[in-house]
Amino acid sequence: MIDRINGPGDINPIEGIKKPSVEKSKEKRKKESTDNVELRHVEDVRKFAEEAKNISTVREQLVEELKKAIESGNYFVDTERLARKILEELSE
């Protein structure tokens, strides 16, 4: 039994085999490969950035005070406190 006289439906004897157009393929790939970026918690990041700026100033002051104490010979390490802190860190 012959379903069609001209053969399979996708083949036109004048045009040949139908292929998807190049433009449609490019558009399809473009749609599939789009990247999206979503920014969340922008306000939190700004807040943390401001806090970081203030922390930097405090640390610089502390470093300056420690330098002066070391240079003048007035800086002493509390070895008991240091040992306690080390043990606390190791026990966590």
N, C-alpha and C. Protein backbone atom coordinates (compact mmCIF):
# COMPACT_ATOMS: atom_id res chain seq x y z
N MET A 1 0.84 -1.18 0.00
CA MET A 1 0.00 0.00 0.00
C MET A 1 0.89 1.24 0.00
N ILE A 2 0.59 2.18 -0.82
CA ILE A 2 1.35 3.42 -0.92
C ILE A 2 0.53 4.53 -0.27
N ASP A 3 1.14 5.17 0.78
CA ASP A 3 0.44 6.23 1.48
C ASP A 3 0.44 7.52 0.68
N ARG A 4 1.57 7.84 0.14
CA ARG A 4 1.68 9.09 -0.61
C ARG A 4 2.37 8.80 -1.94
N ILE A 5 1.97 9.51 -2.89
CA ILE A 5 2.55 9.30 -4.21
C ILE A 5 3.94 9.90 -4.28
N ASN A 6 4.16 11.05 -3.63
CA ASN A 6 5.45 11.75 -3.69
C ASN A 6 6.43 11.27 -2.64
N GLY A 7 6.13 10.26 -1.85
CA GLY A 7 7.04 9.74 -0.84
C GLY A 7 6.79 10.41 0.50
N PRO A 8 7.79 10.38 1.39
CA PRO A 8 7.62 10.95 2.72
C PRO A 8 7.23 12.42 2.65
N GLY A 9 6.46 12.86 3.66
CA GLY A 9 5.93 14.22 3.66
C GLY A 9 6.97 15.32 3.79
N ASP A 10 8.14 15.04 4.34
CA ASP A 10 9.15 16.08 4.53
C ASP A 10 10.00 16.32 3.29
N ILE A 11 9.83 15.53 2.28
CA ILE A 11 10.66 15.68 1.08
C ILE A 11 9.79 16.23 -0.05
N ASN A 12 10.23 17.34 -0.59
CA ASN A 12 9.57 17.93 -1.74
C ASN A 12 10.49 17.66 -2.92
N PRO A 13 10.01 17.04 -3.97
CA PRO A 13 10.90 16.70 -5.08
C PRO A 13 11.56 17.92 -5.72
N ILE A 14 10.98 19.08 -5.55
CA ILE A 14 11.57 20.28 -6.15
C ILE A 14 12.56 20.93 -5.18
N GLU A 15 12.21 21.04 -3.89
CA GLU A 15 13.05 21.72 -2.90
C GLU A 15 14.00 20.78 -2.19
N GLY A 16 13.74 19.53 -2.15
CA GLY A 16 14.57 18.58 -1.44
C GLY A 16 14.10 18.44 0.00
N ILE A 17 14.97 17.94 0.88
CA ILE A 17 14.61 17.72 2.27
C ILE A 17 14.53 19.06 2.99
N LYS A 18 13.46 19.25 3.76
CA LYS A 18 13.29 20.50 4.51
C LYS A 18 14.20 20.47 5.73
N LYS A 19 14.97 21.53 5.90
CA LYS A 19 15.87 21.66 7.06
C LYS A 19 15.45 22.90 7.83
N PRO A 20 15.67 22.89 9.14
CA PRO A 20 15.36 24.11 9.90
C PRO A 20 16.27 25.23 9.44
N SER A 21 15.74 26.42 9.40
CA SER A 21 16.53 27.54 8.92
C SER A 21 17.65 27.87 9.92
N VAL A 22 18.73 28.40 9.41
CA VAL A 22 19.89 28.77 10.23
C VAL A 22 19.51 29.85 11.22
N GLU A 23 18.71 30.80 10.80
CA GLU A 23 18.30 31.90 11.68
C GLU A 23 17.50 31.38 12.87
N LYS A 24 16.58 30.44 12.62
CA LYS A 24 15.79 29.89 13.71
C LYS A 24 16.68 29.15 14.70
N SER A 25 17.67 28.43 14.18
CA SER A 25 18.59 27.70 15.06
C SER A 25 19.39 28.66 15.93
N LYS A 26 19.85 29.76 15.34
CA LYS A 26 20.61 30.76 16.10
C LYS A 26 19.75 31.39 17.19
N GLU A 27 18.50 31.72 16.85
CA GLU A 27 17.60 32.32 17.82
C GLU A 27 17.34 31.36 18.97
N LYS A 28 17.14 30.09 18.64
CA LYS A 28 16.87 29.09 19.67
C LYS A 28 18.05 28.96 20.62
N ARG A 29 19.27 28.89 20.07
CA ARG A 29 20.48 28.79 20.91
C ARG A 29 20.64 30.03 21.77
N LYS A 30 20.34 31.18 21.20
CA LYS A 30 20.47 32.44 21.94
C LYS A 30 19.52 32.46 23.13
N LYS A 31 18.28 32.00 22.92
CA LYS A 31 17.30 31.97 24.00
C LYS A 31 17.71 30.97 25.08
N GLU A 32 18.27 29.83 24.68
CA GLU A 32 18.64 28.79 25.64
C GLU A 32 19.87 29.17 26.46
N SER A 33 20.75 29.98 25.91
CA SER A 33 22.02 30.24 26.58
C SER A 33 22.09 31.59 27.29
N THR A 34 20.97 32.19 27.59
CA THR A 34 21.03 33.48 28.28
C THR A 34 21.35 33.26 29.75
N ASP A 35 22.22 34.07 30.28
CA ASP A 35 22.60 34.02 31.69
C ASP A 35 21.83 35.10 32.44
N ASN A 36 21.46 34.76 33.65
CA ASN A 36 20.76 35.72 34.49
C ASN A 36 21.53 35.91 35.79
N VAL A 37 21.59 37.14 36.24
CA VAL A 37 22.23 37.47 37.50
C VAL A 37 21.19 38.15 38.37
N GLU A 38 21.05 37.64 39.58
CA GLU A 38 20.08 38.23 40.49
C GLU A 38 20.82 38.68 41.75
N LEU A 39 20.74 39.94 42.05
CA LEU A 39 21.42 40.48 43.22
C LEU A 39 20.46 40.50 44.40
N ARG A 40 20.87 39.88 45.47
CA ARG A 40 20.05 39.86 46.68
C ARG A 40 20.85 40.47 47.82
N HIS A 41 20.16 40.97 48.78
CA HIS A 41 20.77 41.48 50.01
C HIS A 41 21.76 42.61 49.74
N VAL A 42 21.45 43.45 48.79
CA VAL A 42 22.34 44.57 48.45
C VAL A 42 22.51 45.50 49.63
N GLU A 43 21.43 45.76 50.35
CA GLU A 43 21.50 46.66 51.51
C GLU A 43 22.40 46.07 52.60
N ASP A 44 22.34 44.76 52.81
CA ASP A 44 23.21 44.13 53.81
C ASP A 44 24.68 44.30 53.43
N VAL A 45 24.98 44.14 52.15
CA VAL A 45 26.35 44.29 51.68
C VAL A 45 26.84 45.72 51.92
N ARG A 46 25.99 46.68 51.62
CA ARG A 46 26.38 48.08 51.86
C ARG A 46 26.64 48.34 53.35
N LYS A 47 25.76 47.79 54.19
CA LYS A 47 25.91 47.97 55.63
C LYS A 47 27.23 47.36 56.12
N PHE A 48 27.53 46.15 55.66
CA PHE A 48 28.77 45.50 56.07
C PHE A 48 30.00 46.25 55.56
N ALA A 49 29.90 46.82 54.39
CA ALA A 49 31.01 47.60 53.84
C ALA A 49 31.29 48.82 54.72
N GLU A 50 30.23 49.48 55.15
CA GLU A 50 30.40 50.64 56.04
C GLU A 50 31.02 50.22 57.37
N GLU A 51 30.55 49.11 57.92
CA GLU A 51 31.10 48.62 59.18
C GLU A 51 32.58 48.26 59.02
N ALA A 52 32.93 47.70 57.89
CA ALA A 52 34.33 47.32 57.65
C ALA A 52 35.23 48.55 57.62
N LYS A 53 34.72 49.64 57.07
CA LYS A 53 35.51 50.88 57.04
C LYS A 53 35.81 51.35 58.46
N ASN A 54 34.84 51.27 59.35
CA ASN A 54 35.03 51.70 60.74
C ASN A 54 35.96 50.76 61.49
N ILE A 55 35.88 49.50 61.25
CA ILE A 55 36.75 48.52 61.91
C ILE A 55 38.20 48.78 61.55
N SER A 56 38.45 49.10 60.31
CA SER A 56 39.81 49.37 59.86
C SER A 56 40.44 50.49 60.67
N THR A 57 39.70 51.56 60.93
CA THR A 57 40.21 52.70 61.69
C THR A 57 40.55 52.28 63.12
N VAL A 58 39.69 51.50 63.73
CA VAL A 58 39.92 51.06 65.11
C VAL A 58 41.19 50.21 65.17
N ARG A 59 41.35 49.30 64.23
CA ARG A 59 42.51 48.42 64.23
C ARG A 59 43.81 49.22 64.03
N GLU A 60 43.75 50.24 63.18
CA GLU A 60 44.94 51.07 62.95
C GLU A 60 45.35 51.78 64.24
N GLN A 61 44.38 52.27 64.99
CA GLN A 61 44.67 52.94 66.25
C GLN A 61 45.29 51.95 67.24
N LEU A 62 44.74 50.75 67.30
CA LEU A 62 45.27 49.72 68.20
C LEU A 62 46.71 49.36 67.82
N VAL A 63 46.96 49.21 66.55
CA VAL A 63 48.32 48.89 66.08
C VAL A 63 49.29 50.00 66.47
N GLU A 64 48.88 51.24 66.29
CA GLU A 64 49.75 52.37 66.66
C GLU A 64 50.06 52.35 68.16
N GLU A 65 49.05 52.11 68.98
CA GLU A 65 49.25 52.06 70.43
C GLU A 65 50.21 50.93 70.80
N LEU A 66 50.03 49.77 70.17
CA LEU A 66 50.93 48.64 70.46
C LEU A 66 52.36 48.93 70.02
N LYS A 67 52.53 49.56 68.88
CA LYS A 67 53.88 49.91 68.41
C LYS A 67 54.58 50.83 69.41
N LYS A 68 53.85 51.84 69.88
CA LYS A 68 54.43 52.78 70.84
C LYS A 68 54.80 52.08 72.14
N ALA A 69 53.92 51.19 72.61
CA ALA A 69 54.19 50.46 73.86
C ALA A 69 55.41 49.55 73.70
N ILE A 70 55.54 48.90 72.57
CA ILE A 70 56.70 48.02 72.33
C ILE A 70 57.97 48.84 72.26
N GLU A 71 57.94 49.96 71.52
CA GLU A 71 59.12 50.81 71.38
C GLU A 71 59.56 51.39 72.72
N SER A 72 58.60 51.72 73.57
CA SER A 72 58.96 52.32 74.86
C SER A 72 59.30 51.27 75.92
N GLY A 73 59.07 49.99 75.60
CA GLY A 73 59.36 48.93 76.56
C GLY A 73 58.25 48.71 77.57
N ASN A 74 57.08 49.26 77.34
CA ASN A 74 55.96 49.13 78.27
C ASN A 74 54.96 48.05 77.85
N TYR A 75 55.28 47.26 76.85
CA TYR A 75 54.35 46.22 76.40
C TYR A 75 54.76 44.89 76.99
N PHE A 76 53.85 44.28 77.73
CA PHE A 76 54.11 42.98 78.32
C PHE A 76 52.96 42.04 77.96
N VAL A 77 53.32 40.81 77.67
CA VAL A 77 52.31 39.80 77.31
C VAL A 77 51.80 39.15 78.59
N ASP A 78 50.50 39.10 78.75
CA ASP A 78 49.88 38.39 79.87
C ASP A 78 49.83 36.91 79.46
N THR A 79 50.83 36.17 79.88
CA THR A 79 50.97 34.78 79.45
C THR A 79 49.82 33.90 79.92
N GLU A 80 49.29 34.18 81.11
CA GLU A 80 48.14 33.40 81.60
C GLU A 80 46.93 33.59 80.69
N ARG A 81 46.65 34.82 80.35
CA ARG A 81 45.50 35.13 79.48
C ARG A 81 45.72 34.52 78.10
N LEU A 82 46.94 34.61 77.59
CA LEU A 82 47.27 34.03 76.29
C LEU A 82 47.05 32.52 76.30
N ALA A 83 47.52 31.85 77.36
CA ALA A 83 47.36 30.40 77.48
C ALA A 83 45.88 30.02 77.54
N ARG A 84 45.09 30.79 78.30
CA ARG A 84 43.65 30.52 78.38
C ARG A 84 42.98 30.63 77.01
N LYS A 85 43.32 31.66 76.27
CA LYS A 85 42.74 31.86 74.94
C LYS A 85 43.12 30.72 73.99
N ILE A 86 44.37 30.29 74.07
CA ILE A 86 44.81 29.18 73.23
C ILE A 86 44.02 27.90 73.56
N LEU A 87 43.86 27.64 74.85
CA LEU A 87 43.11 26.45 75.27
C LEU A 87 41.65 26.54 74.86
N GLU A 88 41.07 27.73 74.94
CA GLU A 88 39.68 27.92 74.50
C GLU A 88 39.52 27.60 73.03
N GLU A 89 40.45 28.10 72.23
CA GLU A 89 40.38 27.87 70.79
C GLU A 89 40.54 26.38 70.46
N LEU A 90 41.43 25.71 71.19
CA LEU A 90 41.67 24.29 70.92
C LEU A 90 40.49 23.42 71.35
N SER A 91 39.76 23.86 72.37
CA SER A 91 38.65 23.05 72.86
C SER A 91 37.39 23.19 72.02
N GLU A 92 37.31 24.18 71.14
CA GLU A 92 36.10 24.38 70.30
C GLU A 92 36.05 23.42 69.16
